[in-house]
Amino acid sequence: YPVLPNLIRLTKNDYQVPNTQHILEKGIMTVIPVHAIHHDPEYYPDPE
């Protein structure tokens, strides 16, 4: 039961995603899905 289900960050400048050809433009929101990751059976078997 993570109280905040996600984290938000904003790209301050253009950002080259490591090991990819993708560039995130300045000002793009970044959503980190905390609740979903906490319930991923790959990391937490039988997550419920």
All heavy atoms as atom14 arrays in JSON, in Angstrom:
{
  "sequence": "YPVLPNLIRLTKNDYQVPNTQHILEKGIMTVIPVHAIHHDPEYYPDPE",
  "atom14_mask": [
    [1, 1, 1, 1, 1, 1, 1, 1, 1, 1, 1, 1, 0, 0],
    [1, 1, 1, 1, 1, 1, 1, 0, 0, 0, 0, 0, 0, 0],
    [1, 1, 1, 1, 1, 1, 1, 0, 0, 0, 0, 0, 0, 0],
    [1, 1, 1, 1, 1, 1, 1, 1, 0, 0, 0, 0, 0, 0],
    [1, 1, 1, 1, 1, 1, 1, 0, 0, 0, 0, 0, 0, 0],
    [1, 1, 1, 1, 1, 1, 1, 1, 0, 0, 0, 0, 0, 0],
    [1, 1, 1, 1, 1, 1, 1, 1, 0, 0, 0, 0, 0, 0],
    [1, 1, 1, 1, 1, 1, 1, 1, 0, 0, 0, 0, 0, 0],
    [1, 1, 1, 1, 1, 1, 1, 1, 1, 1, 1, 0, 0, 0],
    [1, 1, 1, 1, 1, 1, 1, 1, 0, 0, 0, 0, 0, 0],
    [1, 1, 1, 1, 1, 1, 1, 0, 0, 0, 0, 0, 0, 0],
    [1, 1, 1, 1, 1, 1, 1, 1, 1, 0, 0, 0, 0, 0],
    [1, 1, 1, 1, 1, 1, 1, 1, 0, 0, 0, 0, 0, 0],
    [1, 1, 1, 1, 1, 1, 1, 1, 0, 0, 0, 0, 0, 0],
    [1, 1, 1, 1, 1, 1, 1, 1, 1, 1, 1, 1, 0, 0],
    [1, 1, 1, 1, 1, 1, 1, 1, 1, 0, 0, 0, 0, 0],
    [1, 1, 1, 1, 1, 1, 1, 0, 0, 0, 0, 0, 0, 0],
    [1, 1, 1, 1, 1, 1, 1, 0, 0, 0, 0, 0, 0, 0],
    [1, 1, 1, 1, 1, 1, 1, 1, 0, 0, 0, 0, 0, 0],
    [1, 1, 1, 1, 1, 1, 1, 0, 0, 0, 0, 0, 0, 0],
    [1, 1, 1, 1, 1, 1, 1, 1, 1, 0, 0, 0, 0, 0],
    [1, 1, 1, 1, 1, 1, 1, 1, 1, 1, 0, 0, 0, 0],
    [1, 1, 1, 1, 1, 1, 1, 1, 0, 0, 0, 0, 0, 0],
    [1, 1, 1, 1, 1, 1, 1, 1, 0, 0, 0, 0, 0, 0],
    [1, 1, 1, 1, 1, 1, 1, 1, 1, 0, 0, 0, 0, 0],
    [1, 1, 1, 1, 1, 1, 1, 1, 1, 0, 0, 0, 0, 0],
    [1, 1, 1, 1, 0, 0, 0, 0, 0, 0, 0, 0, 0, 0],
    [1, 1, 1, 1, 1, 1, 1, 1, 0, 0, 0, 0, 0, 0],
    [1, 1, 1, 1, 1, 1, 1, 1, 0, 0, 0, 0, 0, 0],
    [1, 1, 1, 1, 1, 1, 1, 0, 0, 0, 0, 0, 0, 0],
    [1, 1, 1, 1, 1, 1, 1, 0, 0, 0, 0, 0, 0, 0],
    [1, 1, 1, 1, 1, 1, 1, 1, 0, 0, 0, 0, 0, 0],
    [1, 1, 1, 1, 1, 1, 1, 0, 0, 0, 0, 0, 0, 0],
    [1, 1, 1, 1, 1, 1, 1, 0, 0, 0, 0, 0, 0, 0],
    [1, 1, 1, 1, 1, 1, 1, 1, 1, 1, 0, 0, 0, 0],
    [1, 1, 1, 1, 1, 0, 0, 0, 0, 0, 0, 0, 0, 0],
    [1, 1, 1, 1, 1, 1, 1, 1, 0, 0, 0, 0, 0, 0],
    [1, 1, 1, 1, 1, 1, 1, 1, 1, 1, 0, 0, 0, 0],
    [1, 1, 1, 1, 1, 1, 1, 1, 1, 1, 0, 0, 0, 0],
    [1, 1, 1, 1, 1, 1, 1, 1, 0, 0, 0, 0, 0, 0],
    [1, 1, 1, 1, 1, 1, 1, 0, 0, 0, 0, 0, 0, 0],
    [1, 1, 1, 1, 1, 1, 1, 1, 1, 0, 0, 0, 0, 0],
    [1, 1, 1, 1, 1, 1, 1, 1, 1, 1, 1, 1, 0, 0],
    [1, 1, 1, 1, 1, 1, 1, 1, 1, 1, 1, 1, 0, 0],
    [1, 1, 1, 1, 1, 1, 1, 0, 0, 0, 0, 0, 0, 0],
    [1, 1, 1, 1, 1, 1, 1, 1, 0, 0, 0, 0, 0, 0],
    [1, 1, 1, 1, 1, 1, 1, 0, 0, 0, 0, 0, 0, 0],
    [1, 1, 1, 1, 1, 1, 1, 1, 1, 0, 0, 0, 0, 0]
  ],
  "atom14_positions": [
    [[0.83, -1.21, 0.0], [0.0, 0.0, 0.0], [0.87, 1.26, 0.0], [0.86, 2.02, 0.96], [-0.9, 0.04, 1.24], [-1.71, -1.21, 1.49], [-1.28, -2.18, 2.41], [-2.92, -1.42, 0.83], [-2.04, -3.32, 2.65], [-3.68, -2.56, 1.07], [-3.22, -3.51, 1.99], [-3.98, -4.64, 2.23], [0.0, 0.0, 0.0], [0.0, 0.0, 0.0]],
    [[1.65, 1.49, -1.06], [2.43, 2.73, -1.08], [1.47, 3.92, -1.09], [0.54, 3.97, -1.89], [3.22, 2.64, -2.39], [2.41, 1.73, -3.26], [1.77, 0.74, -2.32], [0.0, 0.0, 0.0], [0.0, 0.0, 0.0], [0.0, 0.0, 0.0], [0.0, 0.0, 0.0], [0.0, 0.0, 0.0], [0.0, 0.0, 0.0], [0.0, 0.0, 0.0]],
    [[1.68, 4.85, -0.17], [0.73, 5.95, -0.04], [0.69, 6.79, -1.32], [-0.38, 7.16, -1.79], [1.09, 6.83, 1.18], [0.1, 7.97, 1.32], [1.07, 5.98, 2.45], [0.0, 0.0, 0.0], [0.0, 0.0, 0.0], [0.0, 0.0, 0.0], [0.0, 0.0, 0.0], [0.0, 0.0, 0.0], [0.0, 0.0, 0.0], [0.0, 0.0, 0.0]],
    [[1.86, 7.08, -1.88], [1.92, 7.75, -3.17], [2.08, 6.68, -4.25], [3.1, 5.98, -4.26], [3.1, 8.72, -3.23], [2.91, 10.08, -2.57], [4.22, 10.87, -2.62], [1.8, 10.88, -3.24], [0.0, 0.0, 0.0], [0.0, 0.0, 0.0], [0.0, 0.0, 0.0], [0.0, 0.0, 0.0], [0.0, 0.0, 0.0], [0.0, 0.0, 0.0]],
    [[1.12, 6.54, -5.17], [1.2, 5.44, -6.15], [2.21, 5.68, -7.26], [2.53, 4.76, -8.0], [-0.22, 5.4, -6.73], [-0.74, 6.8, -6.58], [-0.12, 7.32, -5.31], [0.0, 0.0, 0.0], [0.0, 0.0, 0.0], [0.0, 0.0, 0.0], [0.0, 0.0, 0.0], [0.0, 0.0, 0.0], [0.0, 0.0, 0.0], [0.0, 0.0, 0.0]],
    [[2.72, 6.91, -7.39], [3.71, 7.17, -8.43], [4.58, 8.35, -8.04], [4.24, 9.14, -7.15], [3.04, 7.45, -9.78], [2.36, 8.81, -9.78], [1.38, 9.03, -9.07], [2.86, 9.73, -10.58], [0.0, 0.0, 0.0], [0.0, 0.0, 0.0], [0.0, 0.0, 0.0], [0.0, 0.0, 0.0], [0.0, 0.0, 0.0], [0.0, 0.0, 0.0]],
    [[5.72, 8.48, -8.7], [6.62, 9.63, -8.54], [6.67, 10.38, -9.86], [6.58, 9.77, -10.94], [8.02, 9.17, -8.15], [8.16, 8.33, -6.88], [9.6, 7.82, -6.74], [7.76, 9.13, -5.65], [0.0, 0.0, 0.0], [0.0, 0.0, 0.0], [0.0, 0.0, 0.0], [0.0, 0.0, 0.0], [0.0, 0.0, 0.0], [0.0, 0.0, 0.0]],
    [[6.84, 11.69, -9.78], [6.91, 12.52, -10.98], [8.22, 13.31, -10.97], [8.61, 13.88, -9.95], [5.73, 13.52, -11.04], [4.39, 12.79, -11.09], [5.88, 14.45, -12.25], [4.14, 12.05, -12.39], [0.0, 0.0, 0.0], [0.0, 0.0, 0.0], [0.0, 0.0, 0.0], [0.0, 0.0, 0.0], [0.0, 0.0, 0.0], [0.0, 0.0, 0.0]],
    [[8.9, 13.34, -12.1], [10.05, 14.21, -12.31], [9.92, 14.87, -13.69], [9.22, 14.35, -14.56], [11.36, 13.44, -12.22], [11.65, 12.81, -10.87], [11.9, 13.83, -9.79], [12.31, 13.21, -8.54], [11.48, 12.86, -7.58], [10.17, 13.06, -7.72], [11.93, 12.33, -6.46], [0.0, 0.0, 0.0], [0.0, 0.0, 0.0], [0.0, 0.0, 0.0]],
    [[10.62, 15.97, -13.86], [10.57, 16.72, -15.11], [11.98, 16.8, -15.7], [12.95, 17.04, -14.96], [10.06, 18.14, -14.83], [9.34, 18.91, -15.93], [8.05, 18.21, -16.3], [9.05, 20.33, -15.46], [0.0, 0.0, 0.0], [0.0, 0.0, 0.0], [0.0, 0.0, 0.0], [0.0, 0.0, 0.0], [0.0, 0.0, 0.0], [0.0, 0.0, 0.0]],
    [[12.11, 16.6, -17.01], [13.43, 16.71, -17.62], [13.84, 18.18, -17.66], [13.13, 19.03, -18.21], [13.42, 16.15, -19.06], [12.32, 16.7, -19.78], [13.29, 14.65, -19.06], [0.0, 0.0, 0.0], [0.0, 0.0, 0.0], [0.0, 0.0, 0.0], [0.0, 0.0, 0.0], [0.0, 0.0, 0.0], [0.0, 0.0, 0.0], [0.0, 0.0, 0.0]],
    [[14.99, 18.46, -17.09], [15.48, 19.85, -17.02], [16.11, 20.27, -18.33], [16.08, 21.45, -18.71], [16.5, 19.95, -15.88], [16.85, 21.35, -15.46], [17.7, 21.33, -14.2], [18.01, 22.74, -13.72], [18.83, 22.7, -12.47], [0.0, 0.0, 0.0], [0.0, 0.0, 0.0], [0.0, 0.0, 0.0], [0.0, 0.0, 0.0], [0.0, 0.0, 0.0]],
    [[16.71, 19.31, -19.01], [17.31, 19.53, -20.33], [17.03, 18.3, -21.19], [16.53, 17.29, -20.7], [18.82, 19.74, -20.22], [19.2, 20.87, -19.28], [19.62, 20.62, -18.16], [19.05, 22.12, -19.72], [0.0, 0.0, 0.0], [0.0, 0.0, 0.0], [0.0, 0.0, 0.0], [0.0, 0.0, 0.0], [0.0, 0.0, 0.0], [0.0, 0.0, 0.0]],
    [[17.34, 18.38, -22.47], [17.25, 17.18, -23.31], [18.11, 16.08, -22.68], [19.22, 16.33, -22.21], [17.75, 17.48, -24.72], [16.78, 18.36, -25.51], [15.7, 18.67, -24.97], [17.11, 18.72, -26.64], [0.0, 0.0, 0.0], [0.0, 0.0, 0.0], [0.0, 0.0, 0.0], [0.0, 0.0, 0.0], [0.0, 0.0, 0.0], [0.0, 0.0, 0.0]],
    [[17.56, 14.86, -22.67], [18.23, 13.76, -21.97], [18.33, 12.54, -22.87], [17.33, 12.02, -23.34], [17.46, 13.42, -20.69], [18.04, 12.26, -19.91], [19.23, 12.4, -19.2], [17.4, 11.02, -19.88], [19.76, 11.34, -18.47], [17.92, 9.96, -19.15], [19.1, 10.12, -18.46], [19.63, 9.07, -17.74], [0.0, 0.0, 0.0], [0.0, 0.0, 0.0]],
    [[19.55, 12.09, -23.09], [19.8, 10.87, -23.86], [19.58, 9.67, -22.96], [20.29, 9.48, -21.96], [21.23, 10.86, -24.38], [21.64, 9.57, -25.09], [21.14, 9.51, -26.52], [21.35, 10.43, -27.28], [20.5, 8.41, -26.87], [0.0, 0.0, 0.0], [0.0, 0.0, 0.0], [0.0, 0.0, 0.0], [0.0, 0.0, 0.0], [0.0, 0.0, 0.0]],
    [[18.57, 8.84, -23.26], [18.31, 7.66, -22.46], [19.47, 6.67, -22.66], [19.76, 6.3, -23.8], [16.97, 7.0, -22.86], [16.73, 5.75, -22.03], [15.83, 7.98, -22.68], [0.0, 0.0, 0.0], [0.0, 0.0, 0.0], [0.0, 0.0, 0.0], [0.0, 0.0, 0.0], [0.0, 0.0, 0.0], [0.0, 0.0, 0.0], [0.0, 0.0, 0.0]],
    [[20.15, 6.27, -21.59], [21.32, 5.4, -21.73], [21.01, 4.12, -22.51], [19.94, 3.53, -22.37], [21.7, 5.07, -20.28], [21.17, 6.24, -19.5], [19.9, 6.65, -20.19], [0.0, 0.0, 0.0], [0.0, 0.0, 0.0], [0.0, 0.0, 0.0], [0.0, 0.0, 0.0], [0.0, 0.0, 0.0], [0.0, 0.0, 0.0], [0.0, 0.0, 0.0]],
    [[21.95, 3.73, -23.36], [21.88, 2.49, -24.13], [20.74, 2.47, -25.14], [20.27, 1.41, -25.55], [21.76, 1.27, -23.2], [22.89, 1.21, -22.18], [24.05, 1.39, -22.52], [22.54, 0.97, -20.92], [0.0, 0.0, 0.0], [0.0, 0.0, 0.0], [0.0, 0.0, 0.0], [0.0, 0.0, 0.0], [0.0, 0.0, 0.0], [0.0, 0.0, 0.0]],
    [[20.24, 3.66, -25.51], [19.2, 3.75, -26.54], [19.51, 4.94, -27.45], [20.41, 5.74, -27.17], [17.79, 3.97, -25.93], [17.67, 5.33, -25.5], [17.53, 3.02, -24.78], [0.0, 0.0, 0.0], [0.0, 0.0, 0.0], [0.0, 0.0, 0.0], [0.0, 0.0, 0.0], [0.0, 0.0, 0.0], [0.0, 0.0, 0.0], [0.0, 0.0, 0.0]],
    [[18.71, 5.07, -28.52], [18.82, 6.23, -29.4], [17.83, 7.32, -29.02], [17.75, 8.36, -29.68], [18.56, 5.78, -30.87], [19.52, 4.74, -31.38], [20.95, 5.25, -31.4], [21.24, 6.36, -31.85], [21.88, 4.43, -30.89], [0.0, 0.0, 0.0], [0.0, 0.0, 0.0], [0.0, 0.0, 0.0], [0.0, 0.0, 0.0], [0.0, 0.0, 0.0]],
    [[17.06, 7.1, -27.97], [15.98, 8.02, -27.61], [16.5, 9.23, -26.83], [17.33, 9.09, -25.93], [14.93, 7.31, -26.77], [14.3, 6.14, -27.46], [13.63, 6.26, -28.66], [14.22, 4.83, -27.12], [13.18, 5.07, -29.02], [13.53, 4.19, -28.12], [0.0, 0.0, 0.0], [0.0, 0.0, 0.0], [0.0, 0.0, 0.0], [0.0, 0.0, 0.0]],
    [[15.97, 10.38, -27.17], [16.26, 11.61, -26.46], [14.95, 12.15, -25.9], [13.99, 12.37, -26.64], [16.93, 12.66, -27.36], [18.31, 12.17, -27.82], [17.05, 14.01, -26.63], [19.02, 13.11, -28.77], [0.0, 0.0, 0.0], [0.0, 0.0, 0.0], [0.0, 0.0, 0.0], [0.0, 0.0, 0.0], [0.0, 0.0, 0.0], [0.0, 0.0, 0.0]],
    [[14.91, 12.35, -24.59], [13.73, 12.95, -23.96], [13.9, 14.46, -23.98], [14.89, 15.0, -23.47], [13.59, 12.47, -22.51], [13.62, 10.95, -22.29], [13.44, 10.63, -20.81], [12.53, 10.28, -23.12], [0.0, 0.0, 0.0], [0.0, 0.0, 0.0], [0.0, 0.0, 0.0], [0.0, 0.0, 0.0], [0.0, 0.0, 0.0], [0.0, 0.0, 0.0]],
    [[12.95, 15.15, -24.58], [13.06, 16.59, -24.71], [12.9, 17.3, -23.37], [12.25, 16.8, -22.44], [12.0, 17.12, -25.69], [12.22, 16.68, -27.12], [11.19, 17.29, -28.05], [10.23, 17.91, -27.55], [11.37, 17.18, -29.27], [0.0, 0.0, 0.0], [0.0, 0.0, 0.0], [0.0, 0.0, 0.0], [0.0, 0.0, 0.0], [0.0, 0.0, 0.0]],
    [[13.5, 18.47, -23.27], [13.37, 19.3, -22.08], [11.89, 19.56, -21.78], [11.1, 19.84, -22.67], [14.08, 20.64, -22.31], [13.93, 21.63, -21.17], [14.61, 22.95, -21.51], [14.39, 23.96, -20.39], [15.05, 25.27, -20.69], [0.0, 0.0, 0.0], [0.0, 0.0, 0.0], [0.0, 0.0, 0.0], [0.0, 0.0, 0.0], [0.0, 0.0, 0.0]],
    [[11.52, 19.41, -20.49], [10.15, 19.7, -20.08], [9.21, 18.51, -20.11], [8.04, 18.64, -19.75], [0.0, 0.0, 0.0], [0.0, 0.0, 0.0], [0.0, 0.0, 0.0], [0.0, 0.0, 0.0], [0.0, 0.0, 0.0], [0.0, 0.0, 0.0], [0.0, 0.0, 0.0], [0.0, 0.0, 0.0], [0.0, 0.0, 0.0], [0.0, 0.0, 0.0]],
    [[9.72, 17.34, -20.53], [8.87, 16.14, -20.56], [8.7, 15.6, -19.14], [9.66, 15.48, -18.39], [9.49, 15.05, -21.47], [9.44, 15.49, -22.93], [8.78, 13.71, -21.3], [8.07, 15.47, -23.55], [0.0, 0.0, 0.0], [0.0, 0.0, 0.0], [0.0, 0.0, 0.0], [0.0, 0.0, 0.0], [0.0, 0.0, 0.0], [0.0, 0.0, 0.0]],
    [[7.47, 15.26, -18.78], [7.23, 14.64, -17.48], [7.72, 13.19, -17.48], [7.65, 12.51, -18.49], [5.73, 14.64, -17.15], [5.15, 16.0, -16.84], [3.42, 15.86, -16.35], [3.59, 15.18, -14.7], [0.0, 0.0, 0.0], [0.0, 0.0, 0.0], [0.0, 0.0, 0.0], [0.0, 0.0, 0.0], [0.0, 0.0, 0.0], [0.0, 0.0, 0.0]],
    [[8.21, 12.75, -16.32], [8.64, 11.37, -16.14], [7.81, 10.76, -15.03], [7.84, 11.23, -13.89], [10.14, 11.32, -15.77], [10.9, 11.97, -16.8], [10.62, 9.89, -15.64], [0.0, 0.0, 0.0], [0.0, 0.0, 0.0], [0.0, 0.0, 0.0], [0.0, 0.0, 0.0], [0.0, 0.0, 0.0], [0.0, 0.0, 0.0], [0.0, 0.0, 0.0]],
    [[7.06, 9.72, -15.36], [6.18, 9.04, -14.41], [6.81, 7.72, -13.99], [7.13, 6.88, -14.84], [4.79, 8.78, -15.02], [3.89, 8.03, -14.04], [4.13, 10.09, -15.45], [0.0, 0.0, 0.0], [0.0, 0.0, 0.0], [0.0, 0.0, 0.0], [0.0, 0.0, 0.0], [0.0, 0.0, 0.0], [0.0, 0.0, 0.0], [0.0, 0.0, 0.0]],
    [[7.01, 7.55, -12.68], [7.55, 6.3, -12.14], [6.44, 5.59, -11.38], [6.0, 6.06, -10.33], [8.75, 6.58, -11.22], [9.87, 7.27, -12.03], [9.26, 5.3, -10.57], [11.02, 7.78, -11.19], [0.0, 0.0, 0.0], [0.0, 0.0, 0.0], [0.0, 0.0, 0.0], [0.0, 0.0, 0.0], [0.0, 0.0, 0.0], [0.0, 0.0, 0.0]],
    [[5.94, 4.46, -11.89], [4.74, 3.8, -11.34], [5.06, 2.95, -10.11], [5.18, 1.72, -10.19], [4.26, 2.95, -12.5], [5.51, 2.59, -13.24], [6.43, 3.77, -13.1], [0.0, 0.0, 0.0], [0.0, 0.0, 0.0], [0.0, 0.0, 0.0], [0.0, 0.0, 0.0], [0.0, 0.0, 0.0], [0.0, 0.0, 0.0], [0.0, 0.0, 0.0]],
    [[5.18, 3.57, -8.96], [5.61, 2.9, -7.73], [4.7, 1.72, -7.38], [5.17, 0.61, -7.12], [5.65, 3.91, -6.56], [5.95, 3.19, -5.25], [6.69, 5.0, -6.83], [0.0, 0.0, 0.0], [0.0, 0.0, 0.0], [0.0, 0.0, 0.0], [0.0, 0.0, 0.0], [0.0, 0.0, 0.0], [0.0, 0.0, 0.0], [0.0, 0.0, 0.0]],
    [[3.39, 1.95, -7.36], [2.45, 0.89, -6.98], [2.59, -0.33, -7.88], [2.61, -1.48, -7.42], [1.01, 1.42, -7.02], [-0.02, 0.43, -6.6], [-0.53, -0.52, -7.46], [-0.63, 0.21, -5.4], [-1.41, -1.27, -6.82], [-1.48, -0.85, -5.58], [0.0, 0.0, 0.0], [0.0, 0.0, 0.0], [0.0, 0.0, 0.0], [0.0, 0.0, 0.0]],
    [[2.69, -0.08, -9.18], [2.79, -1.19, -10.14], [4.07, -1.99, -9.93], [4.07, -3.23, -9.97], [2.73, -0.65, -11.56], [0.0, 0.0, 0.0], [0.0, 0.0, 0.0], [0.0, 0.0, 0.0], [0.0, 0.0, 0.0], [0.0, 0.0, 0.0], [0.0, 0.0, 0.0], [0.0, 0.0, 0.0], [0.0, 0.0, 0.0], [0.0, 0.0, 0.0]],
    [[5.18, -1.3, -9.7], [6.46, -1.98, -9.49], [6.43, -2.79, -8.21], [6.93, -3.93, -8.15], [7.61, -0.95, -9.47], [7.77, -0.32, -10.86], [8.92, -1.6, -9.02], [8.67, 0.89, -10.89], [0.0, 0.0, 0.0], [0.0, 0.0, 0.0], [0.0, 0.0, 0.0], [0.0, 0.0, 0.0], [0.0, 0.0, 0.0], [0.0, 0.0, 0.0]],
    [[5.82, -2.24, -7.16], [5.7, -2.96, -5.89], [4.87, -4.22, -6.0], [4.96, -5.1, -5.13], [5.06, -2.05, -4.83], [6.0, -1.01, -4.28], [5.71, -0.27, -3.16], [7.21, -0.58, -4.71], [6.7, 0.56, -2.91], [7.62, 0.4, -3.84], [0.0, 0.0, 0.0], [0.0, 0.0, 0.0], [0.0, 0.0, 0.0], [0.0, 0.0, 0.0]],
    [[4.04, -4.31, -7.04], [3.17, -5.47, -7.21], [3.6, -6.34, -8.4], [2.83, -7.18, -8.87], [1.71, -5.02, -7.38], [1.1, -4.5, -6.11], [0.2, -5.22, -5.37], [1.29, -3.34, -5.44], [-0.15, -4.52, -4.3], [0.5, -3.38, -4.32], [0.0, 0.0, 0.0], [0.0, 0.0, 0.0], [0.0, 0.0, 0.0], [0.0, 0.0, 0.0]],
    [[4.82, -6.15, -8.85], [5.35, -6.93, -9.97], [5.91, -8.25, -9.42], [6.85, -8.25, -8.64], [6.45, -6.13, -10.67], [6.93, -6.81, -11.95], [6.76, -8.05, -12.08], [7.49, -6.11, -12.82], [0.0, 0.0, 0.0], [0.0, 0.0, 0.0], [0.0, 0.0, 0.0], [0.0, 0.0, 0.0], [0.0, 0.0, 0.0], [0.0, 0.0, 0.0]],
    [[5.34, -9.4, -9.85], [5.82, -10.7, -9.32], [7.26, -11.01, -9.69], [7.87, -11.88, -9.06], [4.84, -11.7, -9.95], [4.23, -11.0, -11.11], [4.2, -9.55, -10.77], [0.0, 0.0, 0.0], [0.0, 0.0, 0.0], [0.0, 0.0, 0.0], [0.0, 0.0, 0.0], [0.0, 0.0, 0.0], [0.0, 0.0, 0.0], [0.0, 0.0, 0.0]],
    [[7.82, -10.32, -10.68], [9.23, -10.52, -11.0], [10.12, -10.11, -9.82], [11.16, -10.71, -9.57], [9.63, -9.72, -12.24], [11.1, -9.87, -12.62], [11.52, -9.02, -13.81], [10.63, -8.53, -14.54], [12.73, -8.83, -13.99], [0.0, 0.0, 0.0], [0.0, 0.0, 0.0], [0.0, 0.0, 0.0], [0.0, 0.0, 0.0], [0.0, 0.0, 0.0]],
    [[9.7, -9.06, -9.12], [10.48, -8.56, -7.99], [9.94, -9.07, -6.65], [10.71, -9.24, -5.7], [10.48, -7.03, -7.99], [10.84, -6.43, -9.33], [9.98, -5.55, -9.98], [12.03, -6.77, -9.96], [10.31, -5.01, -11.21], [12.36, -6.24, -11.2], [11.49, -5.35, -11.83], [11.81, -4.83, -13.04], [0.0, 0.0, 0.0], [0.0, 0.0, 0.0]],
    [[8.64, -9.31, -6.58], [8.0, -9.74, -5.34], [7.05, -10.9, -5.64], [5.89, -10.69, -5.95], [7.23, -8.59, -4.69], [8.1, -7.39, -4.36], [8.16, -6.29, -5.21], [8.86, -7.37, -3.2], [8.96, -5.2, -4.92], [9.67, -6.28, -2.89], [9.71, -5.2, -3.76], [10.51, -4.13, -3.46], [0.0, 0.0, 0.0], [0.0, 0.0, 0.0]],
    [[7.55, -12.14, -5.6], [6.69, -13.31, -5.88], [5.45, -13.3, -4.98], [5.53, -12.92, -3.81], [7.61, -14.49, -5.57], [8.99, -13.95, -5.77], [8.94, -12.53, -5.31], [0.0, 0.0, 0.0], [0.0, 0.0, 0.0], [0.0, 0.0, 0.0], [0.0, 0.0, 0.0], [0.0, 0.0, 0.0], [0.0, 0.0, 0.0], [0.0, 0.0, 0.0]],
    [[4.31, -13.7, -5.56], [3.03, -13.65, -4.83], [2.85, -12.27, -4.21], [2.75, -12.12, -2.98], [2.98, -14.73, -3.74], [3.18, -16.13, -4.29], [2.55, -16.45, -5.32], [3.99, -16.88, -3.72], [0.0, 0.0, 0.0], [0.0, 0.0, 0.0], [0.0, 0.0, 0.0], [0.0, 0.0, 0.0], [0.0, 0.0, 0.0], [0.0, 0.0, 0.0]],
    [[2.79, -11.23, -5.03], [2.86, -9.86, -4.52], [1.72, -9.46, -3.59], [1.89, -8.54, -2.78], [2.83, -9.0, -5.8], [2.22, -9.88, -6.84], [2.66, -11.26, -6.5], [0.0, 0.0, 0.0], [0.0, 0.0, 0.0], [0.0, 0.0, 0.0], [0.0, 0.0, 0.0], [0.0, 0.0, 0.0], [0.0, 0.0, 0.0], [0.0, 0.0, 0.0]],
    [[0.57, -10.14, -3.66], [-0.54, -9.76, -2.78], [-0.42, -10.38, -1.39], [-1.16, -10.04, -0.47], [-1.88, -10.17, -3.41], [-2.11, -9.59, -4.82], [-1.93, -8.08, -4.86], [-2.4, -7.4, -3.92], [-1.32, -7.57, -5.82], [0.0, 0.0, 0.0], [0.0, 0.0, 0.0], [0.0, 0.0, 0.0], [0.0, 0.0, 0.0], [0.0, 0.0, 0.0]]
  ]
}
